[in-house]
Structure formats: structure tokens, C-alpha cells
């Protein structure tokens, strides 16, 4: 089972290293990790996706809460949160297939952010499933490069960490 954790931490040198070290020391794998500053420049938000049953999740949360720089840890349920991911995909594109690629981009409400003689670079945001769907449709054209941010998430409505 996959769990998405929102971890508010003090925006200090070495915090990311301590958090990721906690996972590796305990033998837990991080599926996705996204870190960024919040509305408060002294606080960063880590969105961590981890696999495990409820016992593993409980242990991870307890260990994170023991770290000095951790302010708060929340398990974000899929129904209770808005989740998005960003991907940049560079795909082979020549005069014969460019129109077909542009149609796919339009269907997914993605954007072409760079045009070159033999490639297009596409920006797409959405759920993990949406990113995987467009990736699968673009594979036959030849994906040259791809970068994904990993999941970021916020609670729906007025709920906050």
C-alpha cells in the first residue's frame, strides 16, 4: 500500500539528509520525494510517498516525529487531498508525426515548452495515472528524455497540516 506523507520541517541545512537517512537506516524505500519552501520561508514541506502496511506507516511517522527539525507529519489520504505531479518529456518529432504528437498534447491539456528540428518537449501536470497515460502514448514516437517531479499534495478544503 502506498502512503503520501506531508512533513513540515524547519528550513535548515541538513534536514533533507536527516529525513532521507532515517528511511535508508530503517530499510524503507521512498517512492517519491518532493521538497519546497512553504508560504513561511522558515518552513519547508516534504511530500514523501512510501510503501508499506499500516505498521510500517506508523513506524515511519513515529521516527519522523523524533527528528528535531520536524514540525508536523500528516498522512494524506487520496480522497482527502489534491495530488499532482509534473513531467517534462522530450519526444522525437519530425514533420510526419508532429501533428499527431500535438493532438495527444492537446487531449491531455499539456503544453509544448520547446520545439526543435527533431524533438518536442512537453510539460504535463496531473495525477500519476495521467502522467503514465501520456507517457505510454508518446513511447511509440521515441522518448529521448523524461524528468518527473514526484507527487506533491495538499489537503482539500480548509483542512491544513
N, C-alpha and C. Protein backbone atom coordinates (compact mmCIF):
# COMPACT_ATOMS: atom_id res chain seq x y z
N UNK A 1 0.84 -1.18 0.00
CA UNK A 1 0.00 0.00 0.00
C UNK A 1 0.89 1.25 0.00
N UNK A 2 0.52 2.24 -0.80
CA UNK A 2 1.29 3.48 -0.87
C UNK A 2 0.64 4.55 0.01
N UNK A 3 1.49 5.27 0.71
CA UNK A 3 1.04 6.35 1.58
C UNK A 3 1.76 7.64 1.20
N UNK A 4 1.03 8.74 1.23
CA UNK A 4 1.60 10.05 0.96
C UNK A 4 1.68 10.81 2.28
N UNK A 5 2.89 11.20 2.64
CA UNK A 5 3.12 11.93 3.89
C UNK A 5 3.47 13.38 3.59
N UNK A 6 2.85 14.29 4.30
CA UNK A 6 3.22 15.70 4.27
C UNK A 6 4.02 15.96 5.54
N UNK A 7 5.26 16.38 5.37
CA UNK A 7 6.14 16.60 6.51
C UNK A 7 6.59 18.05 6.49
N UNK A 8 6.19 18.80 7.50
CA UNK A 8 6.64 20.18 7.65
C UNK A 8 7.91 20.17 8.49
N UNK A 9 8.95 20.81 7.96
CA UNK A 9 10.24 20.82 8.64
C UNK A 9 10.79 22.24 8.68
N UNK A 10 11.71 22.46 9.60
CA UNK A 10 12.40 23.74 9.65
C UNK A 10 13.29 23.83 8.42
N UNK A 11 13.31 24.99 7.80
CA UNK A 11 14.09 25.20 6.58
C UNK A 11 15.55 25.46 6.97
N UNK A 12 16.26 24.36 7.25
CA UNK A 12 17.64 24.45 7.71
C UNK A 12 18.52 23.50 6.91
N UNK A 13 19.78 23.80 6.90
CA UNK A 13 20.78 22.96 6.24
C UNK A 13 20.77 21.55 6.86
N UNK A 14 20.77 20.51 6.04
CA UNK A 14 20.91 19.14 6.51
C UNK A 14 19.63 18.41 6.85
N UNK A 15 18.49 19.09 6.84
CA UNK A 15 17.23 18.45 7.22
C UNK A 15 16.86 17.34 6.22
N UNK A 16 16.98 17.63 4.95
CA UNK A 16 16.66 16.63 3.93
C UNK A 16 17.53 15.39 4.11
N UNK A 17 18.79 15.59 4.38
CA UNK A 17 19.71 14.48 4.59
C UNK A 17 19.30 13.63 5.80
N UNK A 18 18.90 14.28 6.88
CA UNK A 18 18.49 13.54 8.08
C UNK A 18 17.20 12.75 7.83
N UNK A 19 16.25 13.36 7.11
CA UNK A 19 14.99 12.67 6.83
C UNK A 19 15.23 11.48 5.91
N UNK A 20 15.96 11.68 4.82
CA UNK A 20 16.20 10.57 3.90
C UNK A 20 17.07 9.49 4.55
N UNK A 21 18.00 9.91 5.41
CA UNK A 21 18.82 8.95 6.14
C UNK A 21 18.00 8.07 7.06
N UNK A 22 16.99 8.65 7.67
CA UNK A 22 16.10 7.89 8.54
C UNK A 22 15.47 6.73 7.76
N UNK A 23 15.02 7.01 6.54
CA UNK A 23 14.39 5.98 5.72
C UNK A 23 15.40 4.89 5.35
N UNK A 24 16.59 5.28 4.92
CA UNK A 24 17.57 4.28 4.50
C UNK A 24 18.06 3.44 5.67
N UNK A 25 18.26 4.05 6.83
CA UNK A 25 18.71 3.28 8.01
C UNK A 25 17.69 2.23 8.43
N UNK A 26 16.41 2.54 8.25
CA UNK A 26 15.35 1.61 8.65
C UNK A 26 14.99 0.63 7.54
N UNK A 27 15.59 0.79 6.38
CA UNK A 27 15.32 -0.12 5.26
C UNK A 27 14.01 0.17 4.54
N UNK A 28 13.49 1.39 4.67
CA UNK A 28 12.27 1.79 3.97
C UNK A 28 12.66 2.50 2.69
N UNK A 29 11.94 2.21 1.62
CA UNK A 29 12.21 2.85 0.35
C UNK A 29 11.27 4.02 0.14
N UNK A 30 11.80 5.09 -0.41
CA UNK A 30 10.99 6.26 -0.76
C UNK A 30 10.64 6.14 -2.23
N UNK A 31 9.34 6.08 -2.56
CA UNK A 31 8.91 6.04 -3.95
C UNK A 31 9.03 7.39 -4.61
N UNK A 32 8.75 8.44 -3.86
CA UNK A 32 8.77 9.81 -4.40
C UNK A 32 9.05 10.77 -3.26
N UNK A 33 9.83 11.81 -3.58
CA UNK A 33 10.16 12.83 -2.59
C UNK A 33 10.21 14.18 -3.29
N UNK A 34 9.39 15.11 -2.83
CA UNK A 34 9.39 16.47 -3.36
C UNK A 34 9.51 17.42 -2.17
N UNK A 35 10.41 18.40 -2.29
CA UNK A 35 10.65 19.33 -1.19
C UNK A 35 10.61 20.75 -1.72
N UNK A 36 9.96 21.62 -0.98
CA UNK A 36 9.93 23.03 -1.36
C UNK A 36 9.57 23.90 -0.19
N UNK A 37 9.88 25.15 -0.33
CA UNK A 37 9.58 26.13 0.71
C UNK A 37 8.07 26.36 0.75
N UNK A 38 7.55 26.72 1.89
CA UNK A 38 6.13 26.99 2.05
C UNK A 38 5.88 28.50 2.02
N UNK A 39 4.67 28.90 2.41
CA UNK A 39 4.35 30.32 2.49
C UNK A 39 5.19 31.02 3.56
N UNK A 40 5.74 30.24 4.49
CA UNK A 40 6.64 30.75 5.52
C UNK A 40 8.07 30.36 5.12
N UNK A 41 8.95 31.32 4.87
CA UNK A 41 10.30 30.99 4.41
C UNK A 41 11.14 30.19 5.41
N UNK A 42 10.68 30.08 6.64
CA UNK A 42 11.40 29.31 7.66
C UNK A 42 10.98 27.85 7.68
N UNK A 43 9.96 27.49 6.89
CA UNK A 43 9.41 26.13 6.89
C UNK A 43 9.41 25.57 5.47
N UNK A 44 9.85 24.33 5.35
CA UNK A 44 9.78 23.61 4.08
C UNK A 44 8.77 22.48 4.23
N UNK A 45 8.22 22.08 3.09
CA UNK A 45 7.25 20.99 3.06
C UNK A 45 7.84 19.86 2.24
N UNK A 46 7.87 18.69 2.83
CA UNK A 46 8.31 17.49 2.12
C UNK A 46 7.07 16.66 1.85
N UNK A 47 6.92 16.24 0.62
CA UNK A 47 5.86 15.29 0.28
C UNK A 47 6.57 13.99 -0.04
N UNK A 48 6.34 12.99 0.79
CA UNK A 48 7.04 11.71 0.67
C UNK A 48 6.02 10.61 0.41
N UNK A 49 6.28 9.83 -0.62
CA UNK A 49 5.44 8.66 -0.92
C UNK A 49 6.24 7.43 -0.53
N UNK A 50 5.64 6.62 0.34
CA UNK A 50 6.31 5.43 0.86
C UNK A 50 5.36 4.25 0.78
N UNK A 51 5.92 3.07 0.54
CA UNK A 51 5.13 1.84 0.50
C UNK A 51 5.21 1.12 1.85
N UNK A 52 4.11 0.50 2.21
CA UNK A 52 4.12 -0.30 3.43
C UNK A 52 2.73 -0.43 4.01
N UNK A 53 2.60 -1.38 4.91
CA UNK A 53 1.31 -1.57 5.57
C UNK A 53 1.16 -0.53 6.68
N UNK A 54 0.07 -0.62 7.41
CA UNK A 54 -0.20 0.36 8.47
C UNK A 54 0.87 0.37 9.55
N UNK A 55 1.45 -0.80 9.83
CA UNK A 55 2.51 -0.88 10.84
C UNK A 55 3.75 -0.11 10.38
N UNK A 56 4.14 -0.29 9.12
CA UNK A 56 5.30 0.42 8.57
C UNK A 56 5.03 1.93 8.61
N UNK A 57 3.83 2.32 8.19
CA UNK A 57 3.46 3.74 8.20
C UNK A 57 3.56 4.32 9.61
N UNK A 58 3.04 3.60 10.58
CA UNK A 58 3.08 4.07 11.97
C UNK A 58 4.53 4.25 12.44
N UNK A 59 5.39 3.30 12.10
CA UNK A 59 6.81 3.38 12.48
C UNK A 59 7.50 4.57 11.82
N UNK A 60 7.22 4.78 10.53
CA UNK A 60 7.82 5.91 9.81
C UNK A 60 7.40 7.22 10.45
N UNK A 61 6.12 7.36 10.74
CA UNK A 61 5.63 8.60 11.34
C UNK A 61 6.26 8.83 12.72
N UNK A 62 6.34 7.78 13.52
CA UNK A 62 6.96 7.91 14.85
C UNK A 62 8.42 8.33 14.74
N UNK A 63 9.17 7.72 13.80
CA UNK A 63 10.58 8.06 13.63
C UNK A 63 10.75 9.49 13.13
N UNK A 64 9.90 9.90 12.18
CA UNK A 64 9.98 11.27 11.69
C UNK A 64 9.70 12.28 12.81
N UNK A 65 8.72 11.99 13.63
CA UNK A 65 8.37 12.91 14.73
C UNK A 65 9.49 13.04 15.76
N UNK A 66 10.39 12.06 15.80
CA UNK A 66 11.52 12.13 16.74
C UNK A 66 12.61 13.09 16.27
N UNK A 67 12.64 13.39 14.98
CA UNK A 67 13.67 14.29 14.47
C UNK A 67 13.41 15.71 14.95
N UNK A 68 14.44 16.39 15.39
CA UNK A 68 14.32 17.71 15.99
C UNK A 68 13.72 18.73 15.03
N UNK A 69 14.13 18.69 13.77
CA UNK A 69 13.70 19.71 12.81
C UNK A 69 12.31 19.46 12.22
N UNK A 70 11.70 18.34 12.57
CA UNK A 70 10.36 18.03 12.04
C UNK A 70 9.32 18.74 12.90
N UNK A 71 8.45 19.50 12.24
CA UNK A 71 7.40 20.25 12.94
C UNK A 71 6.12 19.44 13.01
N UNK A 72 5.76 18.81 11.89
CA UNK A 72 4.49 18.05 11.84
C UNK A 72 4.54 17.03 10.72
N UNK A 73 3.90 15.86 10.95
CA UNK A 73 3.80 14.81 9.95
C UNK A 73 2.33 14.45 9.79
N UNK A 74 1.87 14.41 8.54
CA UNK A 74 0.48 14.02 8.27
C UNK A 74 0.44 12.98 7.17
N UNK A 75 -0.43 11.99 7.34
CA UNK A 75 -0.71 11.01 6.30
C UNK A 75 -1.86 11.57 5.47
N UNK A 76 -1.61 11.84 4.19
CA UNK A 76 -2.63 12.42 3.33
C UNK A 76 -3.34 11.31 2.57
N UNK A 77 -4.58 11.09 2.87
CA UNK A 77 -5.37 10.10 2.14
C UNK A 77 -5.73 10.62 0.76
N UNK A 78 -5.81 9.75 -0.22
CA UNK A 78 -6.09 10.15 -1.60
C UNK A 78 -7.42 10.88 -1.73
N UNK A 79 -8.43 10.48 -0.97
CA UNK A 79 -9.74 11.11 -1.06
C UNK A 79 -9.77 12.47 -0.37
N UNK A 80 -8.86 12.68 0.57
CA UNK A 80 -8.85 13.91 1.37
C UNK A 80 -7.90 14.96 0.83
N UNK A 81 -7.18 14.64 -0.26
CA UNK A 81 -6.15 15.57 -0.72
C UNK A 81 -6.18 15.75 -2.23
N UNK A 82 -5.53 16.81 -2.66
CA UNK A 82 -5.33 17.07 -4.08
C UNK A 82 -3.88 16.74 -4.36
N UNK A 83 -3.66 15.84 -5.32
CA UNK A 83 -2.31 15.38 -5.63
C UNK A 83 -1.98 15.68 -7.08
N UNK A 84 -0.77 16.14 -7.33
CA UNK A 84 -0.32 16.43 -8.68
C UNK A 84 1.15 16.07 -8.82
N UNK A 85 1.53 15.88 -10.07
CA UNK A 85 2.90 15.61 -10.44
C UNK A 85 3.18 16.39 -11.72
N UNK A 86 4.41 16.76 -11.95
CA UNK A 86 4.82 17.45 -13.16
C UNK A 86 5.83 16.58 -13.89
N UNK A 87 5.71 16.52 -15.21
CA UNK A 87 6.69 15.80 -16.02
C UNK A 87 7.07 16.64 -17.23
N UNK A 88 8.33 16.59 -17.57
CA UNK A 88 8.83 17.13 -18.82
C UNK A 88 9.26 15.94 -19.66
N UNK A 89 8.73 15.86 -20.87
CA UNK A 89 9.00 14.71 -21.74
C UNK A 89 9.51 15.23 -23.08
N UNK A 90 10.74 14.84 -23.43
CA UNK A 90 11.29 15.20 -24.74
C UNK A 90 11.09 14.00 -25.66
N UNK A 91 10.38 14.23 -26.77
CA UNK A 91 9.99 13.14 -27.66
C UNK A 91 10.47 13.45 -29.08
N UNK A 92 10.87 12.39 -29.80
CA UNK A 92 11.23 12.54 -31.21
C UNK A 92 10.03 13.05 -31.98
N UNK A 93 10.25 14.05 -32.83
CA UNK A 93 9.15 14.60 -33.62
C UNK A 93 9.71 15.09 -34.95
N UNK A 94 9.20 14.51 -36.01
CA UNK A 94 9.56 15.00 -37.34
C UNK A 94 8.30 15.51 -38.03
N UNK A 95 8.44 15.95 -39.27
CA UNK A 95 7.30 16.54 -39.97
C UNK A 95 6.17 15.55 -40.17
N UNK A 96 6.47 14.25 -40.17
CA UNK A 96 5.44 13.23 -40.39
C UNK A 96 4.59 12.95 -39.16
N UNK A 97 5.17 13.07 -37.95
CA UNK A 97 4.41 12.71 -36.74
C UNK A 97 4.12 13.89 -35.81
N UNK A 98 4.63 15.05 -36.14
CA UNK A 98 4.47 16.22 -35.27
C UNK A 98 2.99 16.54 -34.99
N UNK A 99 2.15 16.49 -36.00
CA UNK A 99 0.72 16.80 -35.81
C UNK A 99 0.06 15.81 -34.87
N UNK A 100 0.41 14.54 -34.98
CA UNK A 100 -0.16 13.51 -34.10
C UNK A 100 0.26 13.74 -32.64
N UNK A 101 1.51 14.10 -32.45
CA UNK A 101 2.00 14.39 -31.09
C UNK A 101 1.27 15.61 -30.52
N UNK A 102 1.09 16.63 -31.33
CA UNK A 102 0.38 17.84 -30.88
C UNK A 102 -1.05 17.50 -30.48
N UNK A 103 -1.70 16.60 -31.21
CA UNK A 103 -3.06 16.16 -30.83
C UNK A 103 -3.07 15.50 -29.46
N UNK A 104 -2.10 14.63 -29.21
CA UNK A 104 -2.00 13.96 -27.91
C UNK A 104 -1.80 15.00 -26.81
N UNK A 105 -0.92 15.96 -27.05
CA UNK A 105 -0.65 17.02 -26.08
C UNK A 105 -1.94 17.78 -25.77
N UNK A 106 -2.70 18.11 -26.80
CA UNK A 106 -3.96 18.85 -26.61
C UNK A 106 -4.97 18.03 -25.81
N UNK A 107 -5.10 16.75 -26.11
CA UNK A 107 -6.05 15.89 -25.41
C UNK A 107 -5.75 15.85 -23.91
N UNK A 108 -4.47 15.84 -23.56
CA UNK A 108 -4.07 15.76 -22.16
C UNK A 108 -3.93 17.13 -21.50
N UNK A 109 -4.30 18.18 -22.22
CA UNK A 109 -4.16 19.55 -21.73
C UNK A 109 -2.74 19.82 -21.25
N UNK A 110 -1.79 19.27 -21.97
CA UNK A 110 -0.38 19.51 -21.70
C UNK A 110 0.07 20.69 -22.55
N UNK A 111 1.35 21.03 -22.46
CA UNK A 111 1.88 22.16 -23.23
C UNK A 111 3.21 21.78 -23.86
N UNK A 112 3.43 22.30 -25.05
CA UNK A 112 4.74 22.15 -25.68
C UNK A 112 5.56 23.35 -25.22
N UNK A 113 6.69 23.07 -24.57
CA UNK A 113 7.50 24.14 -23.99
C UNK A 113 8.80 24.37 -24.75
N UNK A 114 9.12 23.45 -25.69
CA UNK A 114 10.30 23.64 -26.51
C UNK A 114 10.11 22.90 -27.83
N UNK A 115 10.46 23.58 -28.90
CA UNK A 115 10.38 22.99 -30.23
C UNK A 115 11.76 23.02 -30.86
N UNK A 116 12.22 21.88 -31.33
CA UNK A 116 13.50 21.79 -32.04
C UNK A 116 13.25 21.07 -33.37
N UNK A 117 14.26 21.00 -34.19
CA UNK A 117 14.10 20.40 -35.52
C UNK A 117 13.61 18.95 -35.44
N UNK A 118 14.10 18.20 -34.47
CA UNK A 118 13.73 16.77 -34.39
C UNK A 118 13.07 16.36 -33.08
N UNK A 119 12.79 17.32 -32.20
CA UNK A 119 12.15 16.96 -30.92
C UNK A 119 11.14 18.02 -30.50
N UNK A 120 10.23 17.57 -29.63
CA UNK A 120 9.32 18.46 -28.91
C UNK A 120 9.49 18.15 -27.43
N UNK A 121 9.48 19.18 -26.61
CA UNK A 121 9.50 18.97 -25.16
C UNK A 121 8.13 19.36 -24.63
N UNK A 122 7.54 18.43 -23.90
CA UNK A 122 6.16 18.57 -23.43
C UNK A 122 6.16 18.68 -21.92
N UNK A 123 5.33 19.59 -21.42
CA UNK A 123 5.11 19.75 -19.98
C UNK A 123 3.70 19.25 -19.69
N UNK A 124 3.59 18.34 -18.74
CA UNK A 124 2.27 17.83 -18.37
C UNK A 124 2.18 17.76 -16.85
N UNK A 125 1.04 18.19 -16.32
CA UNK A 125 0.79 18.08 -14.89
C UNK A 125 -0.49 17.28 -14.68
N UNK A 126 -0.55 16.58 -13.58
CA UNK A 126 -1.74 15.81 -13.26
C UNK A 126 -1.42 14.70 -12.28
N UNK A 127 -2.34 13.77 -12.22
CA UNK A 127 -2.15 12.62 -11.34
C UNK A 127 -1.09 11.69 -11.92
N UNK A 128 -0.63 10.80 -11.11
CA UNK A 128 0.36 9.82 -11.56
C UNK A 128 -0.18 9.03 -12.76
N UNK A 129 -1.47 8.70 -12.72
CA UNK A 129 -2.09 7.96 -13.81
C UNK A 129 -2.10 8.75 -15.12
N UNK A 130 -2.36 10.03 -15.04
CA UNK A 130 -2.36 10.88 -16.24
C UNK A 130 -0.96 10.95 -16.84
N UNK A 131 0.05 11.11 -15.99
CA UNK A 131 1.43 11.18 -16.47
C UNK A 131 1.81 9.87 -17.16
N UNK A 132 1.45 8.75 -16.54
CA UNK A 132 1.77 7.44 -17.13
C UNK A 132 1.02 7.22 -18.44
N UNK A 133 -0.22 7.71 -18.53
CA UNK A 133 -1.01 7.54 -19.75
C UNK A 133 -0.39 8.30 -20.93
N UNK A 134 -0.02 9.55 -20.73
CA UNK A 134 0.59 10.30 -21.83
C UNK A 134 1.96 9.73 -22.18
N UNK A 135 2.70 9.28 -21.17
CA UNK A 135 3.99 8.65 -21.42
C UNK A 135 3.81 7.42 -22.32
N UNK A 136 2.82 6.59 -22.02
CA UNK A 136 2.58 5.39 -22.83
C UNK A 136 2.19 5.73 -24.26
N UNK A 137 1.43 6.81 -24.45
CA UNK A 137 1.04 7.21 -25.80
C UNK A 137 2.22 7.81 -26.58
N UNK A 138 3.16 8.41 -25.88
CA UNK A 138 4.31 9.02 -26.55
C UNK A 138 5.46 8.04 -26.79
N UNK A 139 5.48 6.92 -26.10
CA UNK A 139 6.57 5.94 -26.26
C UNK A 139 6.79 5.50 -27.71
N UNK A 140 5.74 5.22 -28.48
CA UNK A 140 5.97 4.79 -29.86
C UNK A 140 6.74 5.81 -30.72
N UNK A 141 6.70 7.09 -30.35
CA UNK A 141 7.41 8.12 -31.11
C UNK A 141 8.89 8.17 -30.72
N UNK A 142 9.20 7.62 -29.55
CA UNK A 142 10.57 7.61 -29.04
C UNK A 142 10.81 8.73 -28.04
N UNK A 143 10.74 8.39 -26.78
CA UNK A 143 11.02 9.36 -25.72
C UNK A 143 12.53 9.45 -25.57
N UNK A 144 13.07 10.65 -25.75
CA UNK A 144 14.52 10.88 -25.66
C UNK A 144 14.94 11.09 -24.19
N UNK A 145 14.13 11.87 -23.47
CA UNK A 145 14.42 12.17 -22.06
C UNK A 145 13.11 12.42 -21.34
N UNK A 146 13.13 12.17 -20.03
CA UNK A 146 11.97 12.47 -19.22
C UNK A 146 12.42 12.80 -17.80
N UNK A 147 11.79 13.80 -17.20
CA UNK A 147 12.02 14.16 -15.81
C UNK A 147 10.67 14.34 -15.14
N UNK A 148 10.52 13.72 -13.95
CA UNK A 148 9.28 13.84 -13.18
C UNK A 148 9.59 14.40 -11.80
N UNK A 149 8.67 15.22 -11.31
CA UNK A 149 8.89 15.85 -10.01
C UNK A 149 8.63 14.92 -8.83
N UNK A 150 7.78 13.95 -9.00
CA UNK A 150 7.27 13.22 -7.87
C UNK A 150 6.01 13.92 -7.40
N UNK A 151 5.27 13.26 -6.58
CA UNK A 151 3.97 13.76 -6.15
C UNK A 151 4.11 14.90 -5.15
N UNK A 152 3.25 15.91 -5.32
CA UNK A 152 3.05 16.92 -4.29
C UNK A 152 1.57 16.89 -3.95
N UNK A 153 1.22 17.24 -2.73
CA UNK A 153 -0.17 17.12 -2.30
C UNK A 153 -0.50 18.12 -1.21
N UNK A 154 -1.78 18.51 -1.20
CA UNK A 154 -2.35 19.36 -0.14
C UNK A 154 -3.69 18.78 0.25
N UNK A 155 -4.08 18.99 1.51
CA UNK A 155 -5.41 18.60 1.95
C UNK A 155 -6.46 19.42 1.20
N UNK A 156 -7.62 18.81 0.98
CA UNK A 156 -8.73 19.54 0.35
C UNK A 156 -9.36 20.51 1.35
N UNK A 157 -10.02 21.53 0.83
CA UNK A 157 -10.80 22.44 1.66
C UNK A 157 -9.98 23.20 2.66
N UNK A 158 -10.56 23.38 3.83
CA UNK A 158 -9.94 24.21 4.87
C UNK A 158 -9.00 23.42 5.77
N UNK A 159 -8.93 22.11 5.59
CA UNK A 159 -8.04 21.28 6.40
C UNK A 159 -6.59 21.61 6.07
N UNK A 160 -5.76 21.76 7.07
CA UNK A 160 -4.34 22.01 6.84
C UNK A 160 -3.54 21.24 7.86
N UNK A 161 -2.25 21.03 7.54
CA UNK A 161 -1.41 20.24 8.45
C UNK A 161 -1.17 20.90 9.79
